[in-house]
Amino acid sequence: MYIKTLLLAAFAAFTLASCDKDEDKPAPSQAKTYKNVGMALKDGAYGSWTYVNLATGEHESHPDFGTWTYVNPQTKEVKREQKPGSLADVKIKWDIAFRYNLVRTNDGATKLLSATEFAQVKPEELKDVSVKDTIATGKDRVLVDFFKMRQGVVSSTSNDVRNPVLSSVFTRKGQMPNITYEAKPNVVALRTKDGRHFLLKFKSFSNNADKNGFYTFDVLQVK
């Protein structure tokens, strides 16, 4: 089935369904809404990942698996610590993962579209979905250990992976402690490593308690 046919069919009988665990999952051609996908912060915003299966809405969270480097700017002391675990510990078949406001794919690719609604997406726009993940270096790296940061120690991880498109869908507004995030209106196209295609439209970065780090977004799988 061509992408155009599926898009038209999906919106002719459009049912926007919430995919909480206790609700029935809609048919694959229907758009879905995943609500409040994320995790409560413990040692800092960037110390853990939440992995998401876009087809089912399943998700699970794990601590970062990288090598963490600690640098004391005053003493110049450098320490490295390999965190336990690996991606093999993630039991679900995952397509994207959230680390606070940074997002990665599972060896997939993305493209920011001009469309602001799924029904506006043209089939030709999905022919060049090619933006791959990158690993941050230098000043772009995130601080993964907030506890150490309060002690004056700068920390980073070798696993600082992010997708440039997905990690820019929210714009930061305001100053601490009143920081909010505003979603771009654009639809994002995602191609998984096994060739499946999804359309994503991000809506919110906070949960019902106004805590940041929880994603609400619409998903439509196309073929």
C-alpha atoms as a PDB file:
ATOM      1  CA  MET A   1       0.000   0.000   0.000  1.00  0.00           C
ATOM      2  CA  TYR A   2       1.388   3.343  -0.943  1.00  0.00           C
ATOM      3  CA  ILE A   3       1.917   6.093   1.605  1.00  0.00           C
ATOM      4  CA  LYS A   4      -0.661   8.370  -0.018  1.00  0.00           C
ATOM      5  CA  THR A   5      -3.355   5.701   0.090  1.00  0.00           C
ATOM      6  CA  LEU A   6      -2.692   4.917   3.734  1.00  0.00           C
ATOM      7  CA  LEU A   7      -2.681   8.556   4.780  1.00  0.00           C
ATOM      8  CA  LEU A   8      -6.021   9.179   3.073  1.00  0.00           C
ATOM      9  CA  ALA A   9      -7.519   6.039   4.561  1.00  0.00           C
ATOM     10  CA  ALA A  10      -6.290   6.871   8.026  1.00  0.00           C
ATOM     11  CA  PHE A  11      -7.912  10.262   8.005  1.00  0.00           C
ATOM     12  CA  ALA A  12     -11.112   9.226   6.265  1.00  0.00           C
ATOM     13  CA  ALA A  13     -11.907   7.073   9.292  1.00  0.00           C
ATOM     14  CA  PHE A  14      -9.807   9.035  11.738  1.00  0.00           C
ATOM     15  CA  THR A  15      -9.864   7.986  15.349  1.00  0.00           C
ATOM     16  CA  LEU A  16      -7.383   9.665  17.645  1.00  0.00           C
ATOM     17  CA  ALA A  17      -6.917   7.198  20.449  1.00  0.00           C
ATOM     18  CA  SER A  18      -5.133   7.454  23.763  1.00  0.00           C
ATOM     19  CA  CYS A  19      -2.684   4.619  24.326  1.00  0.00           C
ATOM     20  CA  ASP A  20      -2.603   4.302  28.087  1.00  0.00           C
ATOM     21  CA  LYS A  21      -1.857   0.737  29.174  1.00  0.00           C
ATOM     22  CA  ASP A  22      -5.406  -0.075  30.215  1.00  0.00           C
ATOM     23  CA  GLU A  23      -7.009   0.989  26.935  1.00  0.00           C
ATOM     24  CA  ASP A  24      -7.393  -0.974  23.701  1.00  0.00           C
ATOM     25  CA  LYS A  25      -4.781  -0.145  21.098  1.00  0.00           C
ATOM     26  CA  PRO A  26      -6.163   1.200  17.794  1.00  0.00           C
ATOM     27  CA  ALA A  27      -5.529  -0.380  14.405  1.00  0.00           C
ATOM     28  CA  PRO A  28      -2.104   0.276  12.848  1.00  0.00           C
ATOM     29  CA  SER A  29      -3.520   2.780  10.321  1.00  0.00           C
ATOM     30  CA  GLN A  30      -4.965   5.006  13.026  1.00  0.00           C
ATOM     31  CA  ALA A  31      -3.199   7.894  14.676  1.00  0.00           C
ATOM     32  CA  LYS A  32      -2.399   7.385  18.340  1.00  0.00           C
ATOM     33  CA  THR A  33      -1.653   9.698  21.221  1.00  0.00           C
ATOM     34  CA  TYR A  34       0.983   8.700  23.766  1.00  0.00           C
ATOM     35  CA  LYS A  35       0.679  10.682  26.974  1.00  0.00           C
ATOM     36  CA  ASN A  36       3.229  11.625  29.637  1.00  0.00           C
ATOM     37  CA  VAL A  37       6.007   9.347  28.389  1.00  0.00           C
ATOM     38  CA  GLY A  38       9.085   9.981  30.502  1.00  0.00           C
ATOM     39  CA  MET A  39      10.316   9.467  34.028  1.00  0.00           C
ATOM     40  CA  ALA A  40      10.677  11.238  37.347  1.00  0.00           C
ATOM     41  CA  LEU A  41      14.091  12.829  37.751  1.00  0.00           C
ATOM     42  CA  LYS A  42      16.393  11.397  40.408  1.00  0.00           C
ATOM     43  CA  ASP A  43      20.064  12.331  40.047  1.00  0.00           C
ATOM     44  CA  GLY A  44      19.495  14.839  37.266  1.00  0.00           C
ATOM     45  CA  ALA A  45      17.731  15.404  34.002  1.00  0.00           C
ATOM     46  CA  TYR A  46      20.229  13.562  31.800  1.00  0.00           C
ATOM     47  CA  GLY A  47      21.210  10.511  33.844  1.00  0.00           C
ATOM     48  CA  SER A  48      18.610   8.141  32.375  1.00  0.00           C
ATOM     49  CA  TRP A  49      16.817   7.223  29.155  1.00  0.00           C
ATOM     50  CA  THR A  50      13.195   6.270  28.423  1.00  0.00           C
ATOM     51  CA  TYR A  51      12.940   3.894  25.439  1.00  0.00           C
ATOM     52  CA  VAL A  52       9.713   3.860  23.392  1.00  0.00           C
ATOM     53  CA  ASN A  53       8.110   1.449  20.922  1.00  0.00           C
ATOM     54  CA  LEU A  54       6.220   3.734  18.533  1.00  0.00           C
ATOM     55  CA  ALA A  55       3.910   0.995  17.252  1.00  0.00           C
ATOM     56  CA  THR A  56       2.636  -0.121  20.665  1.00  0.00           C
ATOM     57  CA  GLY A  57       3.392   2.728  23.071  1.00  0.00           C
ATOM     58  CA  GLU A  58       5.400   0.435  25.348  1.00  0.00           C
ATOM     59  CA  HIS A  59       8.211   2.199  27.152  1.00  0.00           C
ATOM     60  CA  GLU A  60      10.772   1.501  29.839  1.00  0.00           C
ATOM     61  CA  SER A  61      13.458   3.585  31.551  1.00  0.00           C
ATOM     62  CA  HIS A  62      17.098   2.739  32.278  1.00  0.00           C
ATOM     63  CA  PRO A  63      20.119   4.589  33.663  1.00  0.00           C
ATOM     64  CA  ASP A  64      22.631   5.798  31.110  1.00  0.00           C
ATOM     65  CA  PHE A  65      24.996   2.988  30.027  1.00  0.00           C
ATOM     66  CA  GLY A  66      27.955   5.103  28.959  1.00  0.00           C
ATOM     67  CA  THR A  67      31.349   5.889  30.421  1.00  0.00           C
ATOM     68  CA  TRP A  68      30.964   8.924  32.682  1.00  0.00           C
ATOM     69  CA  THR A  69      33.857  11.361  32.911  1.00  0.00           C
ATOM     70  CA  TYR A  70      34.205  13.610  35.967  1.00  0.00           C
ATOM     71  CA  VAL A  71      36.395  16.704  35.767  1.00  0.00           C
ATOM     72  CA  ASN A  72      37.231  18.985  38.698  1.00  0.00           C
ATOM     73  CA  PRO A  73      38.004  22.366  37.078  1.00  0.00           C
ATOM     74  CA  GLN A  74      39.971  23.539  40.116  1.00  0.00           C
ATOM     75  CA  THR A  75      42.230  20.535  40.692  1.00  0.00           C
ATOM     76  CA  LYS A  76      42.193  19.338  37.048  1.00  0.00           C
ATOM     77  CA  GLU A  77      41.510  15.838  38.362  1.00  0.00           C
ATOM     78  CA  VAL A  78      39.807  13.535  35.842  1.00  0.00           C
ATOM     79  CA  LYS A  79      38.015  10.329  36.754  1.00  0.00           C
ATOM     80  CA  ARG A  80      36.174   7.900  34.490  1.00  0.00           C
ATOM     81  CA  GLU A  81      33.490   5.420  35.499  1.00  0.00           C
ATOM     82  CA  GLN A  82      31.905   2.825  33.249  1.00  0.00           C
ATOM     83  CA  LYS A  83      28.239   2.603  34.182  1.00  0.00           C
ATOM     84  CA  PRO A  84      26.759  -0.909  34.365  1.00  0.00           C
ATOM     85  CA  GLY A  85      24.434  -2.350  31.765  1.00  0.00           C
ATOM     86  CA  SER A  86      23.993  -2.006  28.008  1.00  0.00           C
ATOM     87  CA  LEU A  87      21.283  -1.542  25.406  1.00  0.00           C
ATOM     88  CA  ALA A  88      20.733  -5.303  25.628  1.00  0.00           C
ATOM     89  CA  ASP A  89      18.996  -4.602  28.946  1.00  0.00           C
ATOM     90  CA  VAL A  90      16.167  -2.831  27.102  1.00  0.00           C
ATOM     91  CA  LYS A  91      13.584  -5.583  26.701  1.00  0.00           C
ATOM     92  CA  ILE A  92      11.171  -3.873  24.330  1.00  0.00           C
ATOM     93  CA  LYS A  93      11.663  -3.294  20.614  1.00  0.00           C
ATOM     94  CA  TRP A  94      12.349   0.431  20.758  1.00  0.00           C
ATOM     95  CA  ASP A  95      12.373   3.113  18.077  1.00  0.00           C
ATOM     96  CA  ILE A  96      13.203   6.331  19.951  1.00  0.00           C
ATOM     97  CA  ALA A  97      14.481   7.209  23.406  1.00  0.00           C
ATOM     98  CA  PHE A  98      14.102  10.344  25.536  1.00  0.00           C
ATOM     99  CA  ARG A  99      16.761  11.824  27.801  1.00  0.00           C
ATOM    100  CA  TYR A 100      14.862  14.837  29.169  1.00  0.00           C
ATOM    101  CA  ASN A 101      14.718  17.270  26.202  1.00  0.00           C
ATOM    102  CA  LEU A 102      17.165  15.249  24.082  1.00  0.00           C
ATOM    103  CA  VAL A 103      15.904  12.445  21.834  1.00  0.00           C
ATOM    104  CA  ARG A 104      17.687   9.681  19.936  1.00  0.00           C
ATOM    105  CA  THR A 105      16.599   6.989  17.489  1.00  0.00           C
ATOM    106  CA  ASN A 106      17.488   3.303  17.376  1.00  0.00           C
ATOM    107  CA  ASP A 107      19.761   3.700  14.340  1.00  0.00           C
ATOM    108  CA  GLY A 108      16.947   5.386  12.439  1.00  0.00           C
ATOM    109  CA  ALA A 109      16.678   8.712  10.600  1.00  0.00           C
ATOM    110  CA  THR A 110      14.384  11.733  10.696  1.00  0.00           C
ATOM    111  CA  LYS A 111      13.193  14.746   8.725  1.00  0.00           C
ATOM    112  CA  LEU A 112      11.391  17.917   9.822  1.00  0.00           C
ATOM    113  CA  LEU A 113       8.432  18.444   7.497  1.00  0.00           C
ATOM    114  CA  SER A 114       6.670  21.662   6.540  1.00  0.00           C
ATOM    115  CA  ALA A 115       3.293  20.083   7.328  1.00  0.00           C
ATOM    116  CA  THR A 116       1.721  20.839  10.702  1.00  0.00           C
ATOM    117  CA  GLU A 117      -0.918  18.065  10.518  1.00  0.00           C
ATOM    118  CA  PHE A 118      -0.642  14.445   9.406  1.00  0.00           C
ATOM    119  CA  ALA A 119      -3.258  14.952   6.668  1.00  0.00           C
ATOM    120  CA  GLN A 120      -1.058  17.625   5.057  1.00  0.00           C
ATOM    121  CA  VAL A 121       1.919  15.314   4.534  1.00  0.00           C
ATOM    122  CA  LYS A 122       2.675  14.581   0.885  1.00  0.00           C
ATOM    123  CA  PRO A 123       4.144  11.193  -0.119  1.00  0.00           C
ATOM    124  CA  GLU A 124       7.154  12.784  -1.814  1.00  0.00           C
ATOM    125  CA  GLU A 125       8.179  14.368   1.500  1.00  0.00           C
ATOM    126  CA  LEU A 126       8.951  10.916   2.894  1.00  0.00           C
ATOM    127  CA  LYS A 127      11.481   9.980   0.218  1.00  0.00           C
ATOM    128  CA  ASP A 128      14.443  11.685   1.862  1.00  0.00           C
ATOM    129  CA  VAL A 129      14.288  10.934   5.579  1.00  0.00           C
ATOM    130  CA  SER A 130      18.007  11.027   6.267  1.00  0.00           C
ATOM    131  CA  VAL A 131      19.001  12.966   9.413  1.00  0.00           C
ATOM    132  CA  LYS A 132      20.936  10.479  11.556  1.00  0.00           C
ATOM    133  CA  ASP A 133      21.883  10.609  15.236  1.00  0.00           C
ATOM    134  CA  THR A 134      25.080  12.316  16.341  1.00  0.00           C
ATOM    135  CA  ILE A 135      27.305  12.168  19.426  1.00  0.00           C
ATOM    136  CA  ALA A 136      27.808  15.505  21.149  1.00  0.00           C
ATOM    137  CA  THR A 137      31.299  16.771  21.851  1.00  0.00           C
ATOM    138  CA  GLY A 138      32.842  19.735  23.615  1.00  0.00           C
ATOM    139  CA  LYS A 139      30.522  22.350  25.066  1.00  0.00           C
ATOM    140  CA  ASP A 140      27.465  20.645  23.545  1.00  0.00           C
ATOM    141  CA  ARG A 141      27.724  17.715  25.972  1.00  0.00           C
ATOM    142  CA  VAL A 142      25.147  17.550  28.764  1.00  0.00           C
ATOM    143  CA  LEU A 143      25.895  17.363  32.487  1.00  0.00           C
ATOM    144  CA  VAL A 144      24.770  13.911  33.572  1.00  0.00           C
ATOM    145  CA  ASP A 145      25.391  14.048  37.328  1.00  0.00           C
ATOM    146  CA  PHE A 146      23.693  17.004  39.026  1.00  0.00           C
ATOM    147  CA  PHE A 147      24.836  15.895  42.488  1.00  0.00           C
ATOM    148  CA  LYS A 148      28.490  16.150  41.460  1.00  0.00           C
ATOM    149  CA  MET A 149      27.785  19.432  39.699  1.00  0.00           C
ATOM    150  CA  ARG A 150      26.678  20.947  43.013  1.00  0.00           C
ATOM    151  CA  GLN A 151      30.129  19.954  44.307  1.00  0.00           C
ATOM    152  CA  GLY A 152      31.800  21.824  41.454  1.00  0.00           C
ATOM    153  CA  VAL A 153      32.577  18.725  39.373  1.00  0.00           C
ATOM    154  CA  VAL A 154      31.669  18.660  35.661  1.00  0.00           C
ATOM    155  CA  SER A 155      30.384  15.319  34.353  1.00  0.00           C
ATOM    156  CA  SER A 156      29.730  13.997  30.853  1.00  0.00           C
ATOM    157  CA  THR A 157      28.985  10.665  29.200  1.00  0.00           C
ATOM    158  CA  SER A 158      30.345   8.836  26.167  1.00  0.00           C
ATOM    159  CA  ASN A 159      26.716   7.948  25.396  1.00  0.00           C
ATOM    160  CA  ASP A 160      25.690  11.544  24.604  1.00  0.00           C
ATOM    161  CA  VAL A 161      23.648  10.574  21.555  1.00  0.00           C
ATOM    162  CA  ARG A 162      20.902  12.747  20.107  1.00  0.00           C
ATOM    163  CA  ASN A 163      19.005  13.196  16.867  1.00  0.00           C
ATOM    164  CA  PRO A 164      19.284  16.804  15.649  1.00  0.00           C
ATOM    165  CA  VAL A 165      15.670  16.954  14.429  1.00  0.00           C
ATOM    166  CA  LEU A 166      13.982  15.245  17.367  1.00  0.00           C
ATOM    167  CA  SER A 167      16.109  17.081  19.918  1.00  0.00           C
ATOM    168  CA  SER A 168      15.005  20.459  18.529  1.00  0.00           C
ATOM    169  CA  VAL A 169      11.224  19.970  18.519  1.00  0.00           C
ATOM    170  CA  PHE A 170      10.874  21.803  21.850  1.00  0.00           C
ATOM    171  CA  THR A 171      12.086  25.358  22.467  1.00  0.00           C
ATOM    172  CA  ARG A 172      13.079  26.312  25.992  1.00  0.00           C
ATOM    173  CA  LYS A 173      11.314  29.339  27.456  1.00  0.00           C
ATOM    174  CA  GLY A 174      11.936  31.318  30.646  1.00  0.00           C
ATOM    175  CA  GLN A 175      14.520  31.008  33.399  1.00  0.00           C
ATOM    176  CA  MET A 176      14.947  28.668  36.362  1.00  0.00           C
ATOM    177  CA  PRO A 177      12.906  27.714  38.255  1.00  0.00           C
ATOM    178  CA  ASN A 178      10.113  28.671  35.834  1.00  0.00           C
ATOM    179  CA  ILE A 179      11.331  26.947  32.665  1.00  0.00           C
ATOM    180  CA  THR A 180       8.787  25.740  30.119  1.00  0.00           C
ATOM    181  CA  TYR A 181       9.133  24.096  26.710  1.00  0.00           C
ATOM    182  CA  GLU A 182       7.111  24.964  23.613  1.00  0.00           C
ATOM    183  CA  ALA A 183       6.637  22.415  20.829  1.00  0.00           C
ATOM    184  CA  LYS A 184       7.225  23.251  17.180  1.00  0.00           C
ATOM    185  CA  PRO A 185       4.041  22.800  15.129  1.00  0.00           C
ATOM    186  CA  ASN A 186       5.817  20.766  12.437  1.00  0.00           C
ATOM    187  CA  VAL A 187       5.299  17.069  11.827  1.00  0.00           C
ATOM    188  CA  VAL A 188       8.451  14.928  12.037  1.00  0.00           C
ATOM    189  CA  ALA A 189       8.978  11.932   9.752  1.00  0.00           C
ATOM    190  CA  LEU A 190      10.953   9.004  11.175  1.00  0.00           C
ATOM    191  CA  ARG A 191      12.355   5.982   9.360  1.00  0.00           C
ATOM    192  CA  THR A 192      13.351   3.081  11.623  1.00  0.00           C
ATOM    193  CA  LYS A 193      16.393   0.883  11.012  1.00  0.00           C
ATOM    194  CA  ASP A 194      14.126  -1.873   9.677  1.00  0.00           C
ATOM    195  CA  GLY A 195      12.445   0.455   7.163  1.00  0.00           C
ATOM    196  CA  ARG A 196       9.177   1.343   8.882  1.00  0.00           C
ATOM    197  CA  HIS A 197       7.903   4.930   8.642  1.00  0.00           C
ATOM    198  CA  PHE A 198       6.192   7.001  11.318  1.00  0.00           C
ATOM    199  CA  LEU A 199       4.862  10.541  11.490  1.00  0.00           C
ATOM    200  CA  LEU A 200       5.228  12.297  14.858  1.00  0.00           C
ATOM    201  CA  LYS A 201       3.661  15.488  16.154  1.00  0.00           C
ATOM    202  CA  PHE A 202       4.836  16.605  19.576  1.00  0.00           C
ATOM    203  CA  LYS A 203       2.385  18.438  21.823  1.00  0.00           C
ATOM    204  CA  SER A 204       3.623  18.787  25.383  1.00  0.00           C
ATOM    205  CA  PHE A 205       6.766  18.367  27.485  1.00  0.00           C
ATOM    206  CA  SER A 206       5.128  18.293  30.925  1.00  0.00           C
ATOM    207  CA  ASN A 207       2.799  15.950  32.790  1.00  0.00           C
ATOM    208  CA  ASN A 208      -0.444  16.721  34.594  1.00  0.00           C
ATOM    209  CA  ALA A 209       1.547  18.047  37.560  1.00  0.00           C
ATOM    210  CA  ASP A 210       3.441  20.477  35.252  1.00  0.00           C
ATOM    211  CA  LYS A 211       6.710  18.547  35.698  1.00  0.00           C
ATOM    212  CA  ASN A 212       9.003  18.807  32.671  1.00  0.00           C
ATOM    213  CA  GLY A 213      10.480  15.739  30.989  1.00  0.00           C
ATOM    214  CA  PHE A 214       7.230  13.973  30.084  1.00  0.00           C
ATOM    215  CA  TYR A 215       6.292  13.804  26.396  1.00  0.00           C
ATOM    216  CA  THR A 216       2.806  13.827  24.905  1.00  0.00           C
ATOM    217  CA  PHE A 217       2.792  13.264  21.152  1.00  0.00           C
ATOM    218  CA  ASP A 218       0.743  11.884  18.258  1.00  0.00           C
ATOM    219  CA  VAL A 219       1.999   8.983  16.120  1.00  0.00           C
ATOM    220  CA  LEU A 220       0.885   7.645  12.743  1.00  0.00           C
ATOM    221  CA  GLN A 221       2.560   4.664  11.111  1.00  0.00           C
ATOM    222  CA  VAL A 222       2.603   4.780   7.301  1.00  0.00           C
ATOM    223  CA  LYS A 223       3.599   2.158   4.751  1.00  0.00           C
END
